[in-house]
Amino acid sequence: MKKIIIYDLDGTIIDSSHRAKHIDGKLDLEHWKTNSTKENIFADDLLPLYWQLRQDWLDGHHIVLCTAREMGKYDKEYLQLMNIPYNTLISRPVGNTLPDSELKKKRLSRFFNLKWTWGREKIFYDDNQKNLADVSLLGVEPRYAPNFNSGILKAW
């Protein structure tokens, strides 16, 4: 049976750190939204874990992109341009301000309630230990993305 393999975007398969600002260790969402322009999004780079995602896709696994981003038009264009394949996209609803770990756990929990997902092995790559810990409570194998990313791949 094919696996369900979940990938976070930022810090996992995409380096978007040039757009991020942290206050007291937490991402400033308003700063992030302001800097989510086409020019800034298209300046993002791919991380090496991208190639694992591609291989998982080619091996026929169900690929879920699970991000705390509010996915806009240019985010989706970037995924297409960079040939980032996926079957399911789970993202932050507009206006939602839940902490990332709560958001991802809640959204993935709903997804895992779909009958076809039952009994399948599930793996989750993320660069945030809290996200991994919370989502692992759903029976998902956590994998810390920085352990798989040793460098940055220039997108352009």
Protein backbone atom coordinates (compact mmCIF):
# COMPACT_ATOMS: atom_id res chain seq x y z
CA MET A 1 0.00 0.00 0.00
CA LYS A 2 1.34 3.43 -0.93
CA LYS A 3 2.22 5.82 1.88
CA ILE A 4 0.87 9.25 2.66
CA ILE A 5 3.89 11.55 2.84
CA ILE A 6 3.38 15.05 4.17
CA TYR A 7 5.78 17.90 3.50
CA ASP A 8 5.82 21.32 5.08
CA LEU A 9 6.92 24.06 2.67
CA ASP A 10 8.93 26.80 4.41
CA GLY A 11 12.18 25.52 5.88
CA THR A 12 11.45 22.00 4.63
CA ILE A 13 11.38 22.02 0.83
CA ILE A 14 11.52 25.79 0.26
CA ASP A 15 13.94 28.35 1.69
CA SER A 16 11.81 31.45 2.17
CA SER A 17 13.79 32.74 5.14
CA HIS A 18 14.47 36.06 3.38
CA ARG A 19 10.77 36.88 3.88
CA ALA A 20 10.48 35.90 7.54
CA LYS A 21 10.72 38.02 10.67
CA HIS A 22 10.52 36.54 14.16
CA ILE A 23 9.44 38.23 17.37
CA ASP A 24 10.24 36.39 20.60
CA GLY A 25 10.88 33.23 18.58
CA LYS A 26 7.52 33.35 16.78
CA LEU A 27 6.91 34.16 13.15
CA ASP A 28 5.43 37.62 12.64
CA LEU A 29 2.43 36.68 10.45
CA GLU A 30 1.66 40.25 9.42
CA HIS A 31 5.25 40.80 8.26
CA TRP A 32 5.06 37.49 6.38
CA LYS A 33 1.82 38.48 4.63
CA THR A 34 3.22 41.90 3.68
CA ASN A 35 6.31 40.24 2.19
CA SER A 36 4.38 37.63 0.24
CA THR A 37 4.67 39.55 -3.01
CA LYS A 38 5.27 37.88 -6.35
CA GLU A 39 8.86 39.16 -6.42
CA ASN A 40 9.63 37.85 -2.94
CA ILE A 41 7.92 34.49 -3.45
CA PHE A 42 9.73 33.96 -6.74
CA ALA A 43 13.04 34.71 -4.98
CA ASP A 44 12.56 31.62 -2.77
CA ASP A 45 14.98 28.72 -3.29
CA LEU A 46 14.50 24.97 -3.15
CA LEU A 47 16.06 22.92 -0.38
CA PRO A 48 17.56 19.44 -0.97
CA LEU A 49 14.52 17.68 0.54
CA TYR A 50 12.68 18.76 -2.62
CA TRP A 51 14.40 15.85 -4.39
CA GLN A 52 13.04 13.38 -1.82
CA LEU A 53 9.55 14.76 -2.44
CA ARG A 54 10.04 14.29 -6.19
CA GLN A 55 11.18 10.68 -5.68
CA ASP A 56 8.25 9.94 -3.36
CA TRP A 57 5.93 11.33 -6.05
CA LEU A 58 7.56 9.20 -8.75
CA ASP A 59 7.24 6.15 -6.47
CA GLY A 60 3.47 6.74 -6.44
CA HIS A 61 2.99 7.83 -2.85
CA HIS A 62 0.24 10.32 -1.98
CA ILE A 63 1.98 13.67 -1.45
CA VAL A 64 0.42 16.20 0.91
CA LEU A 65 1.78 19.72 1.17
CA CYS A 66 0.85 20.98 4.63
CA THR A 67 1.79 24.58 5.25
CA ALA A 68 0.89 27.29 7.72
CA ARG A 69 0.95 29.78 4.82
CA GLU A 70 -2.18 31.39 3.47
CA MET A 71 -1.67 30.13 -0.07
CA GLY A 72 -2.19 32.91 -2.56
CA LYS A 73 -2.07 33.07 -6.33
CA TYR A 74 1.71 33.56 -6.51
CA ASP A 75 2.41 30.78 -4.00
CA LYS A 76 0.51 28.36 -6.24
CA GLU A 77 2.24 29.70 -9.36
CA TYR A 78 5.60 29.11 -7.66
CA LEU A 79 4.70 25.49 -6.90
CA GLN A 80 3.77 24.97 -10.53
CA LEU A 81 6.80 26.80 -11.94
CA MET A 82 9.20 24.85 -9.71
CA ASN A 83 7.46 21.59 -10.58
CA ILE A 84 6.62 20.76 -6.96
CA PRO A 85 4.14 17.88 -7.29
CA TYR A 86 1.39 17.09 -4.82
CA ASN A 87 -1.96 15.35 -4.54
CA THR A 88 -3.36 17.37 -1.63
CA LEU A 89 -2.66 20.91 -0.45
CA ILE A 90 -3.49 21.83 3.14
CA SER A 91 -2.93 25.46 4.10
CA ARG A 92 -3.95 28.18 6.51
CA PRO A 93 -7.43 29.59 5.86
CA VAL A 94 -7.43 33.35 5.32
CA GLY A 95 -7.67 35.14 8.64
CA ASN A 96 -6.84 32.07 10.76
CA THR A 97 -4.30 32.88 13.47
CA LEU A 98 -3.92 29.52 15.21
CA PRO A 99 -0.34 28.63 16.12
CA ASP A 100 1.25 26.50 13.38
CA SER A 101 1.27 23.25 15.38
CA GLU A 102 -2.42 23.54 16.31
CA LEU A 103 -3.36 24.47 12.76
CA LYS A 104 -1.50 21.56 11.19
CA LYS A 105 -2.73 19.02 13.72
CA LYS A 106 -6.35 20.15 13.28
CA ARG A 107 -6.22 20.22 9.47
CA LEU A 108 -4.38 16.89 9.18
CA SER A 109 -6.74 15.27 11.68
CA ARG A 110 -9.65 16.12 9.37
CA PHE A 111 -7.74 14.77 6.38
CA PHE A 112 -6.92 11.51 8.21
CA ASN A 113 -10.63 11.01 8.90
CA LEU A 114 -11.15 10.32 5.20
CA LYS A 115 -11.78 6.58 4.90
CA TRP A 116 -9.18 6.00 2.17
CA THR A 117 -6.40 7.28 4.49
CA TRP A 118 -7.12 4.73 7.24
CA GLY A 119 -4.42 2.12 7.75
CA ARG A 120 -1.90 3.83 5.49
CA GLU A 121 1.58 4.62 6.73
CA LYS A 122 1.96 8.36 7.21
CA ILE A 123 5.25 10.31 7.31
CA PHE A 124 5.55 14.04 8.07
CA TYR A 125 8.57 16.22 7.22
CA ASP A 126 8.71 19.58 9.00
CA ASP A 127 11.41 21.94 10.28
CA ASN A 128 9.53 22.73 13.51
CA GLN A 129 9.84 20.27 16.40
CA LYS A 130 6.53 21.42 17.97
CA ASN A 131 4.70 20.74 14.70
CA LEU A 132 6.26 17.28 14.54
CA ALA A 133 5.42 16.49 18.17
CA ASP A 134 1.79 17.58 17.86
CA VAL A 135 1.13 15.86 14.54
CA SER A 136 2.85 12.65 15.72
CA LEU A 137 -0.04 12.30 18.19
CA LEU A 138 -2.15 11.44 15.12
CA GLY A 139 -0.04 8.33 14.46
CA VAL A 140 2.26 10.01 11.96
CA GLU A 141 5.99 9.26 11.78
CA PRO A 142 7.79 12.59 12.34
CA ARG A 143 10.93 13.47 10.38
CA TYR A 144 12.91 16.59 11.24
CA ALA A 145 13.60 18.32 7.91
CA PRO A 146 16.96 19.94 8.82
CA ASN A 147 18.39 16.42 9.19
CA PHE A 148 17.70 15.92 5.47
CA ASN A 149 18.69 19.38 4.19
CA SER A 150 22.40 20.02 4.02
CA GLY A 151 22.38 22.90 1.53
CA ILE A 152 20.27 25.20 -0.58
CA LEU A 153 19.49 24.63 -4.26
CA LYS A 154 19.22 27.85 -6.22
CA ALA A 155 15.89 28.01 -7.98
CA TRP A 156 17.06 30.32 -10.71
